[in-house]
N, C-alpha and C. Protein backbone atom coordinates (compact mmCIF):
# COMPACT_ATOMS: atom_id res chain seq x y z
N UNK A 1 21.88 -4.23 -7.08
CA UNK A 1 20.89 -3.29 -7.57
C UNK A 1 21.49 -2.60 -8.79
N UNK A 2 20.84 -2.77 -9.93
CA UNK A 2 21.34 -2.12 -11.14
C UNK A 2 20.75 -0.70 -11.27
N UNK A 3 21.21 0.04 -12.26
CA UNK A 3 20.81 1.44 -12.43
C UNK A 3 19.30 1.57 -12.61
N UNK A 4 18.69 0.72 -13.42
CA UNK A 4 17.25 0.81 -13.66
C UNK A 4 16.45 0.56 -12.37
N UNK A 5 16.88 -0.42 -11.59
CA UNK A 5 16.22 -0.69 -10.31
C UNK A 5 16.36 0.52 -9.38
N UNK A 6 17.57 1.07 -9.32
CA UNK A 6 17.82 2.24 -8.50
C UNK A 6 16.88 3.38 -8.85
N UNK A 7 16.78 3.69 -10.12
CA UNK A 7 15.92 4.79 -10.57
C UNK A 7 14.47 4.49 -10.25
N UNK A 8 14.03 3.27 -10.47
CA UNK A 8 12.65 2.90 -10.15
C UNK A 8 12.36 3.03 -8.66
N UNK A 9 13.28 2.59 -7.82
CA UNK A 9 13.10 2.71 -6.37
C UNK A 9 13.05 4.16 -5.94
N UNK A 10 13.97 4.97 -6.48
CA UNK A 10 13.97 6.39 -6.12
C UNK A 10 12.68 7.08 -6.58
N UNK A 11 12.23 6.77 -7.78
CA UNK A 11 10.96 7.36 -8.26
C UNK A 11 9.78 6.93 -7.37
N UNK A 12 9.77 5.69 -6.98
CA UNK A 12 8.72 5.20 -6.09
C UNK A 12 8.69 6.02 -4.81
N UNK A 13 9.85 6.19 -4.19
CA UNK A 13 9.93 6.95 -2.94
C UNK A 13 9.52 8.41 -3.13
N UNK A 14 10.01 9.00 -4.21
CA UNK A 14 9.68 10.40 -4.50
C UNK A 14 8.18 10.56 -4.73
N UNK A 15 7.62 9.67 -5.53
CA UNK A 15 6.18 9.77 -5.82
C UNK A 15 5.32 9.56 -4.58
N UNK A 16 5.80 8.73 -3.66
CA UNK A 16 5.01 8.42 -2.48
C UNK A 16 5.11 9.49 -1.38
N UNK A 17 6.27 10.11 -1.23
CA UNK A 17 6.49 10.96 -0.07
C UNK A 17 6.72 12.46 -0.37
N UNK A 18 7.03 12.81 -1.59
CA UNK A 18 7.34 14.20 -1.91
C UNK A 18 6.11 14.88 -2.54
N UNK A 19 5.80 16.09 -2.11
CA UNK A 19 4.66 16.81 -2.70
C UNK A 19 4.86 17.04 -4.21
N UNK A 20 3.76 17.08 -4.94
CA UNK A 20 3.81 17.21 -6.39
C UNK A 20 4.62 18.42 -6.85
N UNK A 21 4.52 19.53 -6.15
CA UNK A 21 5.21 20.74 -6.59
C UNK A 21 6.73 20.66 -6.41
N UNK A 22 7.23 19.64 -5.72
CA UNK A 22 8.68 19.47 -5.51
C UNK A 22 9.28 18.33 -6.32
N UNK A 23 8.45 17.51 -6.93
CA UNK A 23 8.95 16.32 -7.63
C UNK A 23 9.83 16.63 -8.83
N UNK A 24 9.56 17.73 -9.50
CA UNK A 24 10.31 18.04 -10.73
C UNK A 24 11.80 18.27 -10.48
N UNK A 25 12.17 18.69 -9.28
CA UNK A 25 13.60 18.94 -9.02
C UNK A 25 14.42 17.65 -9.01
N UNK A 26 13.76 16.53 -8.88
CA UNK A 26 14.47 15.25 -8.85
C UNK A 26 14.67 14.66 -10.24
N UNK A 27 13.78 14.95 -11.16
CA UNK A 27 13.76 14.26 -12.45
C UNK A 27 15.05 14.44 -13.24
N UNK A 28 15.58 15.65 -13.29
CA UNK A 28 16.81 15.90 -14.06
C UNK A 28 17.95 15.05 -13.52
N UNK A 29 18.04 14.94 -12.22
CA UNK A 29 19.11 14.15 -11.61
C UNK A 29 18.92 12.66 -11.83
N UNK A 30 17.69 12.21 -11.88
CA UNK A 30 17.43 10.80 -12.13
C UNK A 30 17.83 10.39 -13.55
N UNK A 31 17.87 11.33 -14.45
CA UNK A 31 18.21 11.04 -15.84
C UNK A 31 19.71 11.06 -16.11
N UNK A 32 20.51 11.51 -15.16
CA UNK A 32 21.96 11.57 -15.37
C UNK A 32 22.53 10.16 -15.47
N UNK A 33 23.60 10.04 -16.22
CA UNK A 33 24.28 8.75 -16.36
C UNK A 33 24.79 8.26 -15.01
N UNK A 34 25.41 9.17 -14.26
CA UNK A 34 25.89 8.85 -12.92
C UNK A 34 24.92 9.49 -11.92
N UNK A 35 23.93 8.75 -11.51
CA UNK A 35 22.86 9.26 -10.66
C UNK A 35 23.45 9.72 -9.31
N UNK A 36 23.24 11.01 -8.94
CA UNK A 36 23.77 11.52 -7.67
C UNK A 36 22.87 11.10 -6.49
N UNK A 37 23.03 9.88 -6.06
CA UNK A 37 22.14 9.27 -5.08
C UNK A 37 22.15 10.04 -3.75
N UNK A 38 23.32 10.40 -3.24
CA UNK A 38 23.39 11.11 -1.97
C UNK A 38 22.62 12.42 -2.02
N UNK A 39 22.80 13.16 -3.10
CA UNK A 39 22.10 14.44 -3.27
C UNK A 39 20.59 14.24 -3.35
N UNK A 40 20.17 13.23 -4.08
CA UNK A 40 18.74 12.95 -4.22
C UNK A 40 18.15 12.57 -2.87
N UNK A 41 18.82 11.69 -2.13
CA UNK A 41 18.30 11.26 -0.84
C UNK A 41 18.33 12.40 0.19
N UNK A 42 19.31 13.27 0.10
CA UNK A 42 19.34 14.42 1.00
C UNK A 42 18.13 15.32 0.76
N UNK A 43 17.85 15.61 -0.51
CA UNK A 43 16.68 16.43 -0.83
C UNK A 43 15.38 15.69 -0.50
N UNK A 44 15.38 14.39 -0.71
CA UNK A 44 14.21 13.59 -0.35
C UNK A 44 13.90 13.75 1.14
N UNK A 45 14.93 13.65 1.97
CA UNK A 45 14.74 13.80 3.41
C UNK A 45 14.20 15.18 3.77
N UNK A 46 14.63 16.19 3.02
CA UNK A 46 14.17 17.55 3.28
C UNK A 46 12.71 17.76 2.87
N UNK A 47 12.30 17.18 1.74
CA UNK A 47 10.97 17.45 1.19
C UNK A 47 9.90 16.42 1.55
N UNK A 48 10.28 15.27 2.05
CA UNK A 48 9.29 14.25 2.38
C UNK A 48 8.34 14.79 3.45
N UNK A 49 7.04 14.58 3.23
CA UNK A 49 6.06 15.17 4.14
C UNK A 49 5.42 14.15 5.07
N UNK A 50 5.37 12.90 4.69
CA UNK A 50 4.76 11.87 5.52
C UNK A 50 5.83 11.06 6.23
N UNK A 51 5.50 10.49 7.37
CA UNK A 51 6.46 9.58 8.02
C UNK A 51 6.79 8.40 7.09
N UNK A 52 8.05 8.02 7.07
CA UNK A 52 8.50 6.93 6.19
C UNK A 52 8.08 5.60 6.81
N UNK A 53 7.40 4.79 6.02
CA UNK A 53 7.00 3.46 6.48
C UNK A 53 8.24 2.60 6.67
N UNK A 54 8.13 1.61 7.54
CA UNK A 54 9.27 0.77 7.88
C UNK A 54 9.87 0.08 6.64
N UNK A 55 9.04 -0.45 5.77
CA UNK A 55 9.52 -1.14 4.56
C UNK A 55 10.27 -0.15 3.65
N UNK A 56 9.77 1.07 3.56
CA UNK A 56 10.44 2.06 2.73
C UNK A 56 11.74 2.53 3.37
N UNK A 57 11.78 2.55 4.69
CA UNK A 57 13.03 2.85 5.39
C UNK A 57 14.09 1.80 5.08
N UNK A 58 13.68 0.55 5.02
CA UNK A 58 14.60 -0.52 4.67
C UNK A 58 15.09 -0.35 3.23
N UNK A 59 14.21 0.08 2.34
CA UNK A 59 14.60 0.32 0.96
C UNK A 59 15.62 1.46 0.88
N UNK A 60 15.41 2.52 1.64
CA UNK A 60 16.35 3.64 1.67
C UNK A 60 17.71 3.19 2.19
N UNK A 61 17.72 2.37 3.23
CA UNK A 61 18.99 1.85 3.75
C UNK A 61 19.70 0.99 2.70
N UNK A 62 18.94 0.21 1.97
CA UNK A 62 19.53 -0.62 0.91
C UNK A 62 20.12 0.25 -0.20
N UNK A 63 19.41 1.29 -0.58
CA UNK A 63 19.92 2.22 -1.60
C UNK A 63 21.22 2.85 -1.11
N UNK A 64 21.25 3.32 0.13
CA UNK A 64 22.48 3.89 0.69
C UNK A 64 23.61 2.86 0.67
N UNK A 65 23.32 1.64 1.11
CA UNK A 65 24.34 0.60 1.21
C UNK A 65 25.00 0.33 -0.14
N UNK A 66 24.20 0.22 -1.19
CA UNK A 66 24.75 -0.15 -2.49
C UNK A 66 25.22 1.02 -3.33
N UNK A 67 24.82 2.25 -2.98
CA UNK A 67 25.10 3.36 -3.89
C UNK A 67 25.78 4.56 -3.25
N UNK A 68 26.07 4.53 -1.97
CA UNK A 68 26.69 5.69 -1.32
C UNK A 68 27.99 5.30 -0.64
């Protein structure tokens, strides 16, 4: 998983599960050269409002595996 794929996957998850008023806190971190994946996923877990679908759970596990 390259950096562009990582950012696209994280944006997908954020856009799908995080309320609009909380999405802006992620954008600055997504633009960093060294994307703080653990921090982003920790906040994602805190702010996500809908149950995570099984396929998206697999994507989150893959992101953790390759980037944490």
